[in-house]
Amino acid sequence: MFFNNSGCEYFPCHEVEDKEDFNCLFCYCPLYTLGSKCGGQFIYLDNGMKDCSACLIPHRRNSYEYIKSHFSELAELAERNR
Protein backbone atom coordinates (compact mmCIF):
# COMPACT_ATOMS: atom_id res chain seq x y z
CA MET A 1 0.00 0.00 0.00
CA PHE A 2 1.23 3.46 -0.85
CA PHE A 3 -0.07 6.97 -0.22
CA ASN A 4 1.78 10.16 -1.07
CA ASN A 5 0.37 13.36 0.45
CA SER A 6 2.44 16.01 -1.29
CA GLY A 7 -0.19 18.60 -0.31
CA CYS A 8 0.62 18.24 3.39
CA GLU A 9 2.28 21.30 4.92
CA TYR A 10 4.95 19.02 6.46
CA PHE A 11 5.67 17.03 3.30
CA PRO A 12 8.14 15.46 3.34
CA CYS A 13 8.70 15.17 7.09
CA HIS A 14 12.16 13.64 6.51
CA GLU A 15 14.96 14.59 4.13
CA VAL A 16 14.71 12.37 1.04
CA GLU A 17 16.11 12.38 -2.46
CA ASP A 18 12.95 11.20 -4.23
CA LYS A 19 9.74 12.79 -2.95
CA GLU A 20 7.67 10.78 -5.44
CA ASP A 21 8.51 7.58 -3.52
CA PHE A 22 7.80 9.07 -0.08
CA ASN A 23 5.04 7.02 1.56
CA CYS A 24 2.72 8.94 3.89
CA LEU A 25 0.51 5.93 4.71
CA PHE A 26 1.98 5.84 8.21
CA CYS A 27 2.25 9.51 9.05
CA TYR A 28 3.12 8.50 12.60
CA CYS A 29 5.11 5.30 12.90
CA PRO A 30 3.14 2.56 14.67
CA LEU A 31 6.44 0.86 15.53
CA TYR A 32 7.58 3.73 17.77
CA THR A 33 6.08 2.01 20.81
CA LEU A 34 8.26 -1.05 20.28
CA GLY A 35 11.21 0.99 21.54
CA SER A 36 14.55 -0.54 20.59
CA LYS A 37 12.78 -3.50 18.92
CA CYS A 38 11.24 -1.42 16.09
CA GLY A 39 14.02 -2.25 13.64
CA GLY A 40 14.50 1.34 12.57
CA GLN A 41 17.38 3.78 12.60
CA PHE A 42 16.94 5.84 15.76
CA ILE A 43 18.81 7.23 18.76
CA TYR A 44 17.78 7.92 22.32
CA LEU A 45 18.34 11.51 23.36
CA ASP A 46 19.81 12.50 26.72
CA ASN A 47 16.29 13.17 28.00
CA GLY A 48 15.24 9.59 27.16
CA MET A 49 13.12 10.48 24.12
CA LYS A 50 13.44 8.32 21.05
CA ASP A 51 14.55 10.35 18.01
CA CYS A 52 13.45 8.71 14.76
CA SER A 53 14.26 11.62 12.46
CA ALA A 54 16.88 9.54 10.58
CA CYS A 55 14.51 6.59 10.04
CA LEU A 56 12.56 6.11 6.84
CA ILE A 57 11.03 2.67 7.50
CA PRO A 58 7.41 3.89 7.59
CA HIS A 59 7.99 6.12 4.58
CA ARG A 60 9.38 3.64 2.07
CA ARG A 61 7.16 2.70 -0.84
CA ASN A 62 6.95 -0.94 0.33
CA SER A 63 6.87 -0.35 4.09
CA TYR A 64 3.35 -1.69 4.66
CA GLU A 65 4.38 -5.36 4.74
CA TYR A 66 7.24 -4.71 7.17
CA ILE A 67 5.03 -2.77 9.56
CA LYS A 68 2.20 -5.29 9.23
CA SER A 69 4.63 -8.06 10.21
CA HIS A 70 4.99 -6.36 13.62
CA PHE A 71 1.27 -6.03 14.38
CA SER A 72 1.27 -9.03 16.74
CA GLU A 73 3.93 -7.33 18.89
CA LEU A 74 1.86 -4.14 18.94
CA ALA A 75 -1.23 -6.13 19.91
CA GLU A 76 0.69 -7.69 22.82
CA LEU A 77 1.67 -4.23 24.05
CA ALA A 78 -1.91 -3.05 23.78
CA GLU A 79 -3.14 -6.08 25.72
CA ARG A 80 -0.61 -5.49 28.52
CA ASN A 81 -1.64 -1.83 28.76
CA ARG A 82 -5.39 -2.37 28.97
PDB file of N, CA and C in Angstrom:
ATOM      1  N   MET A   1       0.845  -1.171   0.000  1.00  0.00           N
ATOM      2  CA  MET A   1       0.000   0.000   0.000  1.00  0.00           C
ATOM      3  C   MET A   1       0.891   1.235   0.000  1.00  0.00           C
ATOM      4  N   PHE A   2       0.436   2.244  -0.704  1.00  0.00           N
ATOM      5  CA  PHE A   2       1.226   3.458  -0.847  1.00  0.00           C
ATOM      6  C   PHE A   2       0.298   4.662  -0.906  1.00  0.00           C
ATOM      7  N   PHE A   3       0.682   5.718  -0.198  1.00  0.00           N
ATOM      8  CA  PHE A   3      -0.071   6.972  -0.218  1.00  0.00           C
ATOM      9  C   PHE A   3       0.918   8.112  -0.103  1.00  0.00           C
ATOM     10  N   ASN A   4       0.891   9.018  -1.059  1.00  0.00           N
ATOM     11  CA  ASN A   4       1.782  10.163  -1.067  1.00  0.00           C
ATOM     12  C   ASN A   4       0.931  11.416  -0.910  1.00  0.00           C
ATOM     13  N   ASN A   5       1.154  12.151   0.177  1.00  0.00           N
ATOM     14  CA  ASN A   5       0.368  13.356   0.450  1.00  0.00           C
ATOM     15  C   ASN A   5       1.229  14.597   0.247  1.00  0.00           C
ATOM     16  N   SER A   6       1.556  14.880  -0.987  1.00  0.00           N
ATOM     17  CA  SER A   6       2.437  16.009  -1.290  1.00  0.00           C
ATOM     18  C   SER A   6       1.792  17.347  -0.960  1.00  0.00           C
ATOM     19  N   GLY A   7       0.488  17.374  -0.691  1.00  0.00           N
ATOM     20  CA  GLY A   7      -0.189  18.604  -0.311  1.00  0.00           C
ATOM     21  C   GLY A   7      -0.084  18.934   1.166  1.00  0.00           C
ATOM     22  N   CYS A   8       0.480  18.031   1.949  1.00  0.00           N
ATOM     23  CA  CYS A   8       0.623  18.238   3.388  1.00  0.00           C
ATOM     24  C   CYS A   8       1.645  19.343   3.653  1.00  0.00           C
ATOM     25  N   GLU A   9       1.359  20.199   4.621  1.00  0.00           N
ATOM     26  CA  GLU A   9       2.279  21.296   4.920  1.00  0.00           C
ATOM     27  C   GLU A   9       3.632  20.804   5.451  1.00  0.00           C
ATOM     28  N   TYR A  10       3.699  19.573   5.926  1.00  0.00           N
ATOM     29  CA  TYR A  10       4.947  19.020   6.462  1.00  0.00           C
ATOM     30  C   TYR A  10       5.656  18.088   5.475  1.00  0.00           C
ATOM     31  N   PHE A  11       5.120  17.954   4.282  1.00  0.00           N
ATOM     32  CA  PHE A  11       5.669  17.027   3.297  1.00  0.00           C
ATOM     33  C   PHE A  11       6.972  17.537   2.711  1.00  0.00           C
ATOM     34  N   PRO A  12       7.967  16.697   2.620  1.00  0.00           N
ATOM     35  CA  PRO A  12       8.141  15.455   3.341  1.00  0.00           C
ATOM     36  C   PRO A  12       8.652  15.748   4.749  1.00  0.00           C
ATOM     37  N   CYS A  13       8.307  14.930   5.689  1.00  0.00           N
ATOM     38  CA  CYS A  13       8.702  15.171   7.086  1.00  0.00           C
ATOM     39  C   CYS A  13      10.127  14.716   7.363  1.00  0.00           C
ATOM     40  N   HIS A  14      10.757  14.058   6.413  1.00  0.00           N
ATOM     41  CA  HIS A  14      12.158  13.636   6.509  1.00  0.00           C
ATOM     42  C   HIS A  14      12.859  14.063   5.226  1.00  0.00           C
ATOM     43  N   GLU A  15      14.163  14.274   5.318  1.00  0.00           N
ATOM     44  CA  GLU A  15      14.958  14.594   4.135  1.00  0.00           C
ATOM     45  C   GLU A  15      15.051  13.355   3.247  1.00  0.00           C
ATOM     46  N   VAL A  16      14.639  13.478   1.993  1.00  0.00           N
ATOM     47  CA  VAL A  16      14.709  12.369   1.043  1.00  0.00           C
ATOM     48  C   VAL A  16      15.141  12.896  -0.318  1.00  0.00           C
ATOM     49  N   GLU A  17      15.701  12.004  -1.116  1.00  0.00           N
ATOM     50  CA  GLU A  17      16.112  12.376  -2.462  1.00  0.00           C
ATOM     51  C   GLU A  17      14.928  12.368  -3.416  1.00  0.00           C
ATOM     52  N   ASP A  18      14.063  11.369  -3.298  1.00  0.00           N
ATOM     53  CA  ASP A  18      12.947  11.202  -4.232  1.00  0.00           C
ATOM     54  C   ASP A  18      11.615  11.359  -3.514  1.00  0.00           C
ATOM     55  N   LYS A  19      11.014  12.523  -3.621  1.00  0.00           N
ATOM     56  CA  LYS A  19       9.739  12.794  -2.954  1.00  0.00           C
ATOM     57  C   LYS A  19       8.584  12.002  -3.557  1.00  0.00           C
ATOM     58  N   GLU A  20       8.727  11.561  -4.787  1.00  0.00           N
ATOM     59  CA  GLU A  20       7.672  10.779  -5.442  1.00  0.00           C
ATOM     60  C   GLU A  20       7.493   9.414  -4.783  1.00  0.00           C
ATOM     61  N   ASP A  21       8.558   8.886  -4.178  1.00  0.00           N
ATOM     62  CA  ASP A  21       8.507   7.583  -3.521  1.00  0.00           C
ATOM     63  C   ASP A  21       8.277   7.690  -2.017  1.00  0.00           C
ATOM     64  N   PHE A  22       7.996   8.875  -1.511  1.00  0.00           N
ATOM     65  CA  PHE A  22       7.799   9.075  -0.076  1.00  0.00           C
ATOM     66  C   PHE A  22       6.388   8.630   0.307  1.00  0.00           C
ATOM     67  N   ASN A  23       6.311   7.614   1.158  1.00  0.00           N
ATOM     68  CA  ASN A  23       5.038   7.023   1.556  1.00  0.00           C
ATOM     69  C   ASN A  23       4.521   7.694   2.827  1.00  0.00           C
ATOM     70  N   CYS A  24       3.337   8.265   2.752  1.00  0.00           N
ATOM     71  CA  CYS A  24       2.716   8.941   3.894  1.00  0.00           C
ATOM     72  C   CYS A  24       1.651   8.074   4.559  1.00  0.00           C
ATOM     73  N   LEU A  25       1.540   6.810   4.157  1.00  0.00           N
ATOM     74  CA  LEU A  25       0.510   5.933   4.705  1.00  0.00           C
ATOM     75  C   LEU A  25       0.580   5.897   6.226  1.00  0.00           C
ATOM     76  N   PHE A  26       1.784   5.805   6.771  1.00  0.00           N
ATOM     77  CA  PHE A  26       1.975   5.839   8.214  1.00  0.00           C
ATOM     78  C   PHE A  26       2.599   7.180   8.582  1.00  0.00           C
ATOM     79  N   CYS A  27       1.778   8.169   8.709  1.00  0.00           N
ATOM     80  CA  CYS A  27       2.252   9.510   9.048  1.00  0.00           C
ATOM     81  C   CYS A  27       2.995   9.477  10.381  1.00  0.00           C
ATOM     82  N   TYR A  28       2.448   8.744  11.327  1.00  0.00           N
ATOM     83  CA  TYR A  28       3.117   8.500  12.604  1.00  0.00           C
ATOM     84  C   TYR A  28       3.448   7.017  12.650  1.00  0.00           C
ATOM     85  N   CYS A  29       4.665   6.692  12.957  1.00  0.00           N
ATOM     86  CA  CYS A  29       5.109   5.298  12.896  1.00  0.00           C
ATOM     87  C   CYS A  29       4.474   4.466  14.005  1.00  0.00           C
ATOM     88  N   PRO A  30       3.723   3.433  13.650  1.00  0.00           N
ATOM     89  CA  PRO A  30       3.136   2.563  14.669  1.00  0.00           C
ATOM     90  C   PRO A  30       4.172   1.723  15.405  1.00  0.00           C
ATOM     91  N   LEU A  31       5.394   1.660  14.887  1.00  0.00           N
ATOM     92  CA  LEU A  31       6.436   0.861  15.530  1.00  0.00           C
ATOM     93  C   LEU A  31       7.181   1.626  16.624  1.00  0.00           C
ATOM     94  N   TYR A  32       6.912   2.904  16.767  1.00  0.00           N
ATOM     95  CA  TYR A  32       7.583   3.730  17.771  1.00  0.00           C
ATOM     96  C   TYR A  32       7.481   3.097  19.154  1.00  0.00           C
ATOM     97  N   THR A  33       6.315   2.564  19.478  1.00  0.00           N
ATOM     98  CA  THR A  33       6.077   2.014  20.810  1.00  0.00           C
ATOM     99  C   THR A  33       6.860   0.736  21.088  1.00  0.00           C
ATOM    100  N   LEU A  34       7.460   0.147  20.070  1.00  0.00           N
ATOM    101  CA  LEU A  34       8.263  -1.052  20.278  1.00  0.00           C
ATOM    102  C   LEU A  34       9.649  -0.713  20.823  1.00  0.00           C
ATOM    103  N   GLY A  35       9.927   0.566  20.988  1.00  0.00           N
ATOM    104  CA  GLY A  35      11.215   0.988  21.537  1.00  0.00           C
ATOM    105  C   GLY A  35      12.368   0.507  20.681  1.00  0.00           C
ATOM    106  N   SER A  36      13.352  -0.102  21.310  1.00  0.00           N
ATOM    107  CA  SER A  36      14.550  -0.540  20.587  1.00  0.00           C
ATOM    108  C   SER A  36      14.297  -1.736  19.684  1.00  0.00           C
ATOM    109  N   LYS A  37      13.106  -2.332  19.742  1.00  0.00           N
ATOM    110  CA  LYS A  37      12.777  -3.499  18.920  1.00  0.00           C
ATOM    111  C   LYS A  37      12.040  -3.132  17.629  1.00  0.00           C
ATOM    112  N   CYS A  38      11.978  -1.849  17.280  1.00  0.00           N
ATOM    113  CA  CYS A  38      11.236  -1.422  16.092  1.00  0.00           C
ATOM    114  C   CYS A  38      11.942  -1.790  14.794  1.00  0.00           C
ATOM    115  N   GLY A  39      13.260  -1.917  14.837  1.00  0.00           N
ATOM    116  CA  GLY A  39      14.021  -2.254  13.644  1.00  0.00           C
ATOM    117  C   GLY A  39      14.468  -1.054  12.835  1.00  0.00           C
ATOM    118  N   GLY A  40      14.164   0.122  13.314  1.00  0.00           N
ATOM    119  CA  GLY A  40      14.502   1.336  12.573  1.00  0.00           C
ATOM    120  C   GLY A  40      15.813   1.964  13.012  1.00  0.00           C
ATOM    121  N   GLN A  41      16.155   3.022  12.303  1.00  0.00           N
ATOM    122  CA  GLN A  41      17.375   3.777  12.605  1.00  0.00           C
ATOM    123  C   GLN A  41      16.982   4.939  13.514  1.00  0.00           C
ATOM    124  N   PHE A  42      17.341   4.847  14.782  1.00  0.00           N
ATOM    125  CA  PHE A  42      16.939   5.843  15.763  1.00  0.00           C
ATOM    126  C   PHE A  42      18.057   6.013  16.789  1.00  0.00           C
ATOM    127  N   ILE A  43      17.923   7.038  17.606  1.00  0.00           N
ATOM    128  CA  ILE A  43      18.810   7.228  18.757  1.00  0.00           C
ATOM    129  C   ILE A  43      17.934   7.631  19.937  1.00  0.00           C
ATOM    130  N   TYR A  44      18.432   7.395  21.127  1.00  0.00           N
ATOM    131  CA  TYR A  44      17.776   7.916  22.324  1.00  0.00           C
ATOM    132  C   TYR A  44      18.511   9.184  22.733  1.00  0.00           C
ATOM    133  N   LEU A  45      17.768  10.234  22.935  1.00  0.00           N
ATOM    134  CA  LEU A  45      18.337  11.512  23.357  1.00  0.00           C
ATOM    135  C   LEU A  45      18.670  11.471  24.845  1.00  0.00           C
ATOM    136  N   ASP A  46      19.426  12.440  25.304  1.00  0.00           N
ATOM    137  CA  ASP A  46      19.809  12.503  26.718  1.00  0.00           C
ATOM    138  C   ASP A  46      18.601  12.534  27.650  1.00  0.00           C
ATOM    139  N   ASN A  47      17.488  13.087  27.160  1.00  0.00           N
ATOM    140  CA  ASN A  47      16.294  13.175  28.004  1.00  0.00           C
ATOM    141  C   ASN A  47      15.448  11.896  27.956  1.00  0.00           C
ATOM    142  N   GLY A  48      15.937  10.863  27.234  1.00  0.00           N
ATOM    143  CA  GLY A  48      15.236   9.590  27.164  1.00  0.00           C
ATOM    144  C   GLY A  48      14.267   9.452  26.008  1.00  0.00           C
ATOM    145  N   MET A  49      14.034  10.526  25.270  1.00  0.00           N
ATOM    146  CA  MET A  49      13.122  10.480  24.124  1.00  0.00           C
ATOM    147  C   MET A  49      13.780   9.751  22.958  1.00  0.00           C
ATOM    148  N   LYS A  50      12.973   9.042  22.224  1.00  0.00           N
ATOM    149  CA  LYS A  50      13.438   8.320  21.048  1.00  0.00           C
ATOM    150  C   LYS A  50      13.363   9.260  19.849  1.00  0.00           C
ATOM    151  N   ASP A  51      14.477   9.465  19.170  1.00  0.00           N
ATOM    152  CA  ASP A  51      14.551  10.352  18.010  1.00  0.00           C
ATOM    153  C   ASP A  51      14.624   9.506  16.743  1.00  0.00           C
ATOM    154  N   CYS A  52      13.562   9.528  15.969  1.00  0.00           N
ATOM    155  CA  CYS A  52      13.454   8.711  14.758  1.00  0.00           C
ATOM    156  C   CYS A  52      13.636   9.543  13.485  1.00  0.00           C
ATOM    157  N   SER A  53      14.176  10.729  13.614  1.00  0.00           N
ATOM    158  CA  SER A  53      14.259  11.620  12.457  1.00  0.00           C
ATOM    159  C   SER A  53      15.137  11.064  11.330  1.00  0.00           C
ATOM    160  N   ALA A  54      16.031  10.130  11.620  1.00  0.00           N
ATOM    161  CA  ALA A  54      16.879   9.544  10.579  1.00  0.00           C
ATOM    162  C   ALA A  54      16.278   8.262   9.998  1.00  0.00           C
ATOM    163  N   CYS A  55      15.111   7.856  10.469  1.00  0.00           N
ATOM    164  CA  CYS A  55      14.509   6.594  10.041  1.00  0.00           C
ATOM    165  C   CYS A  55      13.453   6.818   8.953  1.00  0.00           C
ATOM    166  N   LEU A  56      13.524   6.010   7.931  1.00  0.00           N
ATOM    167  CA  LEU A  56      12.558   6.106   6.837  1.00  0.00           C
ATOM    168  C   LEU A  56      11.713   4.843   6.680  1.00  0.00           C
ATOM    169  N   ILE A  57      11.795   3.919   7.638  1.00  0.00           N
ATOM    170  CA  ILE A  57      11.035   2.669   7.497  1.00  0.00           C
ATOM    171  C   ILE A  57       9.564   2.920   7.176  1.00  0.00           C
ATOM    172  N   PRO A  58       8.837   3.743   7.911  1.00  0.00           N
ATOM    173  CA  PRO A  58       7.415   3.886   7.592  1.00  0.00           C
ATOM    174  C   PRO A  58       7.152   4.667   6.307  1.00  0.00           C
ATOM    175  N   HIS A  59       8.180   5.266   5.743  1.00  0.00           N
ATOM    176  CA  HIS A  59       7.988   6.125   4.578  1.00  0.00           C
ATOM    177  C   HIS A  59       8.513   5.546   3.275  1.00  0.00           C
ATOM    178  N   ARG A  60       8.951   4.303   3.314  1.00  0.00           N
ATOM    179  CA  ARG A  60       9.378   3.645   2.074  1.00  0.00           C
ATOM    180  C   ARG A  60       8.155   3.174   1.295  1.00  0.00           C
ATOM    181  N   ARG A  61       8.282   3.100   0.014  1.00  0.00           N
ATOM    182  CA  ARG A  61       7.163   2.700  -0.836  1.00  0.00           C
ATOM    183  C   ARG A  61       6.580   1.347  -0.423  1.00  0.00           C
ATOM    184  N   ASN A  62       7.414   0.407  -0.023  1.00  0.00           N
ATOM    185  CA  ASN A  62       6.954  -0.936   0.326  1.00  0.00           C
ATOM    186  C   ASN A  62       6.993  -1.205   1.831  1.00  0.00           C
ATOM    187  N   SER A  63       6.754  -0.199   2.634  1.00  0.00           N
ATOM    188  CA  SER A  63       6.871  -0.348   4.087  1.00  0.00           C
ATOM    189  C   SER A  63       5.682  -1.059   4.732  1.00  0.00           C
ATOM    190  N   TYR A  64       4.559  -1.121   4.065  1.00  0.00           N
ATOM    191  CA  TYR A  64       3.347  -1.685   4.658  1.00  0.00           C
ATOM    192  C   TYR A  64       3.565  -3.118   5.152  1.00  0.00           C
ATOM    193  N   GLU A  65       4.170  -3.962   4.359  1.00  0.00           N
ATOM    194  CA  GLU A  65       4.377  -5.362   4.740  1.00  0.00           C
ATOM    195  C   GLU A  65       5.288  -5.474   5.965  1.00  0.00           C
ATOM    196  N   TYR A  66       6.338  -4.671   6.017  1.00  0.00           N
ATOM    197  CA  TYR A  66       7.243  -4.709   7.170  1.00  0.00           C
ATOM    198  C   TYR A  66       6.494  -4.317   8.444  1.00  0.00           C
ATOM    199  N   ILE A  67       5.760  -3.240   8.384  1.00  0.00           N
ATOM    200  CA  ILE A  67       5.028  -2.773   9.565  1.00  0.00           C
ATOM    201  C   ILE A  67       3.944  -3.775   9.941  1.00  0.00           C
ATOM    202  N   LYS A  68       3.249  -4.308   8.963  1.00  0.00           N
ATOM    203  CA  LYS A  68       2.204  -5.294   9.232  1.00  0.00           C
ATOM    204  C   LYS A  68       2.784  -6.525   9.920  1.00  0.00           C
ATOM    205  N   SER A  69       4.009  -6.881   9.604  1.00  0.00           N
ATOM    206  CA  SER A  69       4.635  -8.059  10.207  1.00  0.00           C
ATOM    207  C   SER A  69       4.886  -7.872  11.708  1.00  0.00           C
ATOM    208  N   HIS A  70       4.781  -6.656  12.203  1.00  0.00           N
ATOM    209  CA  HIS A  70       4.995  -6.364  13.623  1.00  0.00           C
ATOM    210  C   HIS A  70       3.687  -6.132  14.382  1.00  0.00           C
ATOM    211  N   PHE A  71       2.546  -6.307  13.730  1.00  0.00           N
ATOM    212  CA  PHE A  71       1.266  -6.029  14.384  1.00  0.00           C
ATOM    213  C   PHE A  71       1.022  -6.915  15.600  1.00  0.00           C
ATOM    214  N   SER A  72       1.491  -8.162  15.586  1.00  0.00           N
ATOM    215  CA  SER A  72       1.272  -9.027  16.743  1.00  0.00           C
ATOM    216  C   SER A  72       2.011  -8.493  17.972  1.00  0.00           C
ATOM    217  N   GLU A  73       3.193  -7.934  17.782  1.00  0.00           N
ATOM    218  CA  GLU A  73       3.930  -7.332  18.893  1.00  0.00           C
ATOM    219  C   GLU A  73       3.199  -6.110  19.426  1.00  0.00           C
ATOM    220  N   LEU A  74       2.629  -5.315  18.522  1.00  0.00           N
ATOM    221  CA  LEU A  74       1.865  -4.141  18.940  1.00  0.00           C
ATOM    222  C   LEU A  74       0.603  -4.552  19.687  1.00  0.00           C
ATOM    223  N   ALA A  75      -0.038  -5.629  19.242  1.00  0.00           N
ATOM    224  CA  ALA A  75      -1.231  -6.127  19.912  1.00  0.00           C
ATOM    225  C   ALA A  75      -0.900  -6.611  21.320  1.00  0.00           C
ATOM    226  N   GLU A  76       0.260  -7.257  21.494  1.00  0.00           N
ATOM    227  CA  GLU A  76       0.694  -7.687  22.824  1.00  0.00           C
ATOM    228  C   GLU A  76       0.875  -6.498  23.756  1.00  0.00           C
ATOM    229  N   LEU A  77       1.496  -5.439  23.253  1.00  0.00           N
ATOM    230  CA  LEU A  77       1.668  -4.226  24.055  1.00  0.00           C
ATOM    231  C   LEU A  77       0.324  -3.638  24.454  1.00  0.00           C
ATOM    232  N   ALA A  78      -0.589  -3.592  23.507  1.00  0.00           N
ATOM    233  CA  ALA A  78      -1.913  -3.048  23.781  1.00  0.00           C
ATOM    234  C   ALA A  78      -2.641  -3.882  24.843  1.00  0.00           C
ATOM    235  N   GLU A  79      -2.491  -5.187  24.748  1.00  0.00           N
ATOM    236  CA  GLU A  79      -3.140  -6.076  25.716  1.00  0.00           C
ATOM    237  C   GLU A  79      -2.556  -5.857  27.116  1.00  0.00           C
ATOM    238  N   ARG A  80      -1.243  -5.712  27.218  1.00  0.00           N
ATOM    239  CA  ARG A  80      -0.608  -5.494  28.524  1.00  0.00           C
ATOM    240  C   ARG A  80      -0.986  -4.147  29.128  1.00  0.00           C
ATOM    241  N   ASN A  81      -1.332  -3.180  28.283  1.00  0.00           N
ATOM    242  CA  ASN A  81      -1.638  -1.831  28.757  1.00  0.00           C
ATOM    243  C   ASN A  81      -3.119  -1.527  28.819  1.00  0.00           C
ATOM    244  N   ARG A  82      -3.931  -2.560  28.876  1.00  0.00           N
ATOM    245  CA  ARG A  82      -5.390  -2.373  28.965  1.00  0.00           C
ATOM    246  C   ARG A  82      -5.790  -1.768  30.279  1.00  0.00           C
TER     247      ARG A  82
END
